[in-house]
Amino acid sequence: MKMKNRVLIVDDDKELCALMKKCIEQENLSAVIAHGGIEGLRLADENKNANSLSLVILDVMMPDMDGFQVLKKIRETSNVPVLMLTARSDEEDKVSGLRLGADDYLTKPFSINELMARVNSLIRRYTTLNPTAETDSEYIELSGMMIDKTNRIVSMNDHVVELTGKEFDLLFFLAANKGRVFTKKQIYTQVWEEEYAFDDNNIMSFISKLRKKIEPDPDCPFYILTIRGVGYRFNQEA
């Protein structure tokens, strides 16, 4: 039997959590609830290890650990979509969440129809474009390419390719998660390990330079694919 997509709801408002869970389950999805940030991180980790989590709905204002802290920890290990909830319409809150890797934002109060439209959209994008393919290996063997993380060496058909430090980090990150789609914001946060500076041209420039060094035909890439309107992924077939 195919496992239902699972949604993790992290919010200290128990009545709202119950309502969201009921509506989510009516869409033939499953849902688990955490009433605080620490519990939410524990459940996120448990479900990540089981590859069963398709979306996190995360409130910003919680007493034990705020949503920004929870999001930052989640993004250290997971690319799961995160929908942030806030009782404030402060633009700075939204910018902070997006910089940390949130995928979407809803301001309370919101309609259930709008919530479910965003839930279904995020899950559909994630499950359609992100097959499970993740590795912690120090050595990655691909079609025509070898990546040695320990010695930071990349070879194409037994010829070493000279890459800068960040080009290597970018290539290894994408190849280690091949098949998974990342936004420019997520790539920047993971590879540069700092808050996203909204400089899409920087990411695009690195991708372009990397393609010129590793792609047989940079104008028709085989390894690093562009997902129009979303970001990039490493070819699952490589």
Protein backbone atom coordinates (compact mmCIF):
# COMPACT_ATOMS: atom_id res chain seq x y z
CA MET A 1 0.00 0.00 0.00
CA LYS A 2 1.29 3.46 -0.87
CA MET A 3 2.06 5.57 2.19
CA LYS A 4 0.07 8.79 2.55
CA ASN A 5 1.93 12.07 2.40
CA ARG A 6 2.49 13.16 6.00
CA VAL A 7 2.23 16.73 7.27
CA LEU A 8 3.85 17.87 10.51
CA ILE A 9 1.96 20.71 12.23
CA VAL A 10 3.97 22.69 14.78
CA ASP A 11 1.87 25.27 16.65
CA ASP A 12 1.04 25.93 20.31
CA ASP A 13 -2.59 26.78 19.44
CA LYS A 14 -4.22 23.42 20.15
CA GLU A 15 -7.62 24.28 18.66
CA LEU A 16 -6.08 25.50 15.41
CA CYS A 17 -3.88 22.39 15.24
CA ALA A 18 -6.92 20.14 15.63
CA LEU A 19 -8.77 22.02 12.88
CA MET A 20 -5.81 21.90 10.49
CA LYS A 21 -5.29 18.19 11.17
CA LYS A 22 -8.96 17.45 10.45
CA CYS A 23 -8.88 19.37 7.16
CA ILE A 24 -5.60 17.80 6.09
CA GLU A 25 -6.87 14.28 6.76
CA GLN A 26 -9.99 15.03 4.69
CA GLU A 27 -7.59 15.49 1.75
CA ASN A 28 -6.37 11.89 2.18
CA LEU A 29 -3.16 13.09 3.84
CA SER A 30 -1.90 12.13 7.27
CA ALA A 31 -0.92 14.64 9.95
CA VAL A 32 1.01 14.69 13.21
CA ILE A 33 0.96 17.55 15.71
CA ALA A 34 3.59 19.14 17.93
CA HIS A 35 2.55 21.90 20.34
CA GLY A 36 6.04 23.35 20.66
CA GLY A 37 9.26 23.85 18.75
CA ILE A 38 11.34 21.26 20.64
CA GLU A 39 8.70 18.57 20.16
CA GLY A 40 8.38 19.65 16.52
CA LEU A 41 12.10 19.14 15.90
CA ARG A 42 11.93 15.68 17.47
CA LEU A 43 9.02 14.64 15.26
CA ALA A 44 10.64 16.19 12.18
CA ASP A 45 13.77 14.14 12.83
CA GLU A 46 11.82 10.91 13.42
CA ASN A 47 9.77 11.32 10.25
CA LYS A 48 12.80 12.43 8.19
CA ASN A 49 14.61 9.23 9.11
CA ALA A 50 11.56 7.27 7.99
CA ASN A 51 11.33 9.28 4.73
CA SER A 52 7.66 9.92 5.52
CA LEU A 53 7.47 13.71 5.83
CA SER A 54 6.15 15.77 2.90
CA LEU A 55 5.44 19.15 4.53
CA VAL A 56 5.94 21.10 7.77
CA ILE A 57 3.42 23.76 8.84
CA LEU A 58 5.33 25.88 11.31
CA ASP A 59 4.11 28.70 13.54
CA VAL A 60 6.51 31.57 14.21
CA MET A 61 5.49 32.51 17.76
CA MET A 62 5.90 29.63 20.23
CA PRO A 63 6.98 29.80 23.88
CA ASP A 64 9.79 27.23 24.05
CA MET A 65 11.48 27.78 20.66
CA ASP A 66 10.31 30.16 17.96
CA GLY A 67 9.59 29.06 14.40
CA PHE A 68 12.72 30.70 12.99
CA GLN A 69 14.94 28.60 15.28
CA VAL A 70 13.02 25.45 14.37
CA LEU A 71 13.26 26.24 10.65
CA LYS A 72 17.01 26.85 10.87
CA LYS A 73 17.53 23.44 12.50
CA ILE A 74 15.30 21.67 9.98
CA ARG A 75 17.20 23.22 7.06
CA GLU A 76 20.48 21.80 8.39
CA THR A 77 19.40 18.32 7.39
CA SER A 78 16.21 18.45 5.32
CA ASN A 79 14.79 19.95 2.14
CA VAL A 80 11.16 19.27 3.15
CA PRO A 81 8.80 22.17 2.26
CA VAL A 82 8.00 24.49 5.17
CA LEU A 83 4.89 26.67 5.31
CA MET A 84 5.28 29.37 7.97
CA LEU A 85 2.33 30.76 9.97
CA THR A 86 2.39 34.10 11.77
CA ALA A 87 -0.12 36.25 13.60
CA ARG A 88 1.72 39.34 12.36
CA SER A 89 1.86 40.77 8.86
CA ASP A 90 5.28 42.33 9.50
CA GLU A 91 7.28 42.15 6.27
CA GLU A 92 10.49 41.61 8.24
CA ASP A 93 9.10 38.37 9.68
CA LYS A 94 8.40 37.08 6.19
CA VAL A 95 11.82 38.12 4.90
CA SER A 96 13.52 36.41 7.86
CA GLY A 97 11.62 33.19 7.25
CA LEU A 98 12.33 33.17 3.53
CA ARG A 99 16.02 33.83 4.12
CA LEU A 100 16.17 30.83 6.44
CA GLY A 101 14.56 28.58 3.83
CA ALA A 102 10.79 28.80 4.25
CA ASP A 103 8.87 27.91 1.09
CA ASP A 104 5.66 29.84 1.74
CA TYR A 105 3.98 32.08 4.30
CA LEU A 106 0.45 32.54 5.67
CA THR A 107 -0.67 35.34 8.00
CA LYS A 108 -3.25 34.53 10.68
CA PRO A 109 -6.20 34.61 10.46
CA PHE A 110 -6.38 32.70 7.19
CA SER A 111 -9.08 30.73 5.43
CA ILE A 112 -8.93 26.94 5.45
CA ASN A 113 -9.38 26.95 1.67
CA GLU A 114 -6.26 29.07 1.24
CA LEU A 115 -4.33 26.89 3.68
CA MET A 116 -5.24 23.69 1.85
CA ALA A 117 -4.49 25.19 -1.55
CA ARG A 118 -0.96 25.98 -0.36
CA VAL A 119 -0.55 22.63 1.39
CA ASN A 120 -1.50 20.70 -1.73
CA SER A 121 0.65 22.89 -3.98
CA LEU A 122 3.77 22.48 -1.83
CA ILE A 123 3.32 18.72 -1.44
CA ARG A 124 2.64 18.26 -5.16
CA ARG A 125 5.78 20.18 -6.10
CA TYR A 126 7.91 18.31 -3.55
CA THR A 127 6.70 14.79 -4.28
CA THR A 128 6.70 15.28 -8.06
CA LEU A 129 10.13 16.87 -8.38
CA ASN A 130 11.99 15.28 -5.48
CA PRO A 131 12.54 11.52 -5.68
CA THR A 132 14.33 10.14 -2.67
CA ALA A 133 18.01 10.06 -3.52
CA GLU A 134 20.39 11.12 -0.82
CA THR A 135 23.84 9.96 0.17
CA ASP A 136 26.40 10.74 2.87
CA SER A 137 29.19 9.04 0.90
CA GLU A 138 32.64 10.65 0.69
CA TYR A 139 33.01 9.24 -2.83
CA ILE A 140 30.38 9.58 -5.53
CA GLU A 141 30.52 7.64 -8.79
CA LEU A 142 28.36 8.95 -11.63
CA SER A 143 28.02 8.49 -15.35
CA GLY A 144 31.40 9.70 -16.65
CA MET A 145 32.23 11.49 -13.39
CA MET A 146 33.94 10.69 -10.08
CA ILE A 147 33.77 13.00 -7.05
CA ASP A 148 36.18 12.42 -4.15
CA LYS A 149 35.08 14.56 -1.21
CA THR A 150 38.01 13.63 1.04
CA ASN A 151 40.65 14.77 -1.45
CA ARG A 152 38.32 17.30 -3.14
CA ILE A 153 39.00 15.88 -6.60
CA VAL A 154 36.61 15.70 -9.54
CA SER A 155 37.49 13.64 -12.60
CA MET A 156 35.68 13.33 -15.91
CA ASN A 157 36.52 10.18 -17.88
CA ASP A 158 39.75 9.83 -15.83
CA HIS A 159 40.79 13.47 -16.41
CA VAL A 160 40.94 15.75 -13.37
CA VAL A 161 38.71 18.84 -13.57
CA GLU A 162 40.05 21.97 -11.88
CA LEU A 163 37.35 23.51 -9.69
CA THR A 164 37.42 26.35 -7.19
CA GLY A 165 36.51 25.56 -3.59
CA LYS A 166 32.95 26.81 -3.89
CA GLU A 167 32.46 25.14 -7.28
CA PHE A 168 33.45 21.84 -5.70
CA ASP A 169 31.14 22.41 -2.71
CA LEU A 170 28.26 23.26 -5.05
CA LEU A 171 28.84 20.22 -7.25
CA PHE A 172 29.16 17.83 -4.33
CA PHE A 173 26.03 19.19 -2.65
CA LEU A 174 23.89 18.75 -5.77
CA ALA A 175 25.39 15.34 -6.68
CA ALA A 176 24.99 14.03 -3.13
CA ASN A 177 21.28 14.89 -3.37
CA LYS A 178 20.80 13.91 -7.00
CA GLY A 179 17.24 13.96 -8.19
CA ARG A 180 16.19 16.50 -5.57
CA VAL A 181 15.18 20.02 -6.55
CA PHE A 182 16.65 23.00 -4.72
CA THR A 183 15.76 26.66 -5.01
CA LYS A 184 18.58 29.19 -5.40
CA LYS A 185 17.87 30.26 -1.84
CA GLN A 186 18.27 26.72 -0.51
CA ILE A 187 21.49 26.19 -2.48
CA TYR A 188 22.95 29.42 -1.14
CA THR A 189 22.02 28.58 2.45
CA GLN A 190 23.47 25.05 2.25
CA VAL A 191 26.64 25.70 0.23
CA TRP A 192 27.59 29.17 1.45
CA GLU A 193 26.30 28.41 4.97
CA GLU A 194 24.99 31.91 5.54
CA GLU A 195 21.72 33.77 5.20
CA TYR A 196 20.49 34.18 1.65
CA ALA A 197 21.36 37.61 0.28
CA PHE A 198 18.73 37.58 -2.51
CA ASP A 199 21.51 37.54 -5.12
CA ASP A 200 20.18 35.10 -7.71
CA ASN A 201 22.87 36.21 -10.17
CA ASN A 202 25.57 34.85 -7.86
CA ILE A 203 24.09 31.33 -7.91
CA MET A 204 23.43 31.49 -11.65
CA SER A 205 27.03 32.59 -12.27
CA PHE A 206 28.43 29.66 -10.29
CA ILE A 207 26.12 27.20 -12.05
CA SER A 208 27.17 28.60 -15.44
CA LYS A 209 30.90 28.37 -14.64
CA LEU A 210 30.50 24.85 -13.25
CA ARG A 211 28.59 23.68 -16.33
CA LYS A 212 31.37 24.96 -18.60
CA LYS A 213 33.83 22.75 -16.72
CA ILE A 214 31.82 19.53 -16.35
CA GLU A 215 29.14 19.45 -19.04
CA PRO A 216 29.88 17.87 -22.45
CA ASP A 217 27.57 20.54 -23.87
CA PRO A 218 27.03 23.47 -21.44
CA ASP A 219 24.17 24.78 -23.59
CA CYS A 220 22.34 21.46 -23.19
CA PRO A 221 23.30 20.29 -19.68
CA PHE A 222 23.25 16.64 -18.68
CA TYR A 223 24.33 16.81 -15.03
CA ILE A 224 22.92 20.04 -13.56
CA LEU A 225 19.39 20.61 -14.78
CA THR A 226 17.35 23.79 -14.53
CA ILE A 227 13.81 23.37 -13.21
CA ARG A 228 12.16 26.47 -14.63
CA GLY A 229 10.51 28.65 -12.05
CA VAL A 230 11.86 26.53 -9.17
CA GLY A 231 15.64 26.04 -9.19
CA TYR A 232 18.10 23.26 -10.01
CA ARG A 233 18.58 19.54 -9.57
CA PHE A 234 21.28 17.02 -10.38
CA ASN A 235 20.18 14.56 -13.05
CA GLN A 236 18.72 11.41 -11.48
CA GLU A 237 19.98 9.43 -14.50
CA ALA A 238 23.63 10.47 -14.05
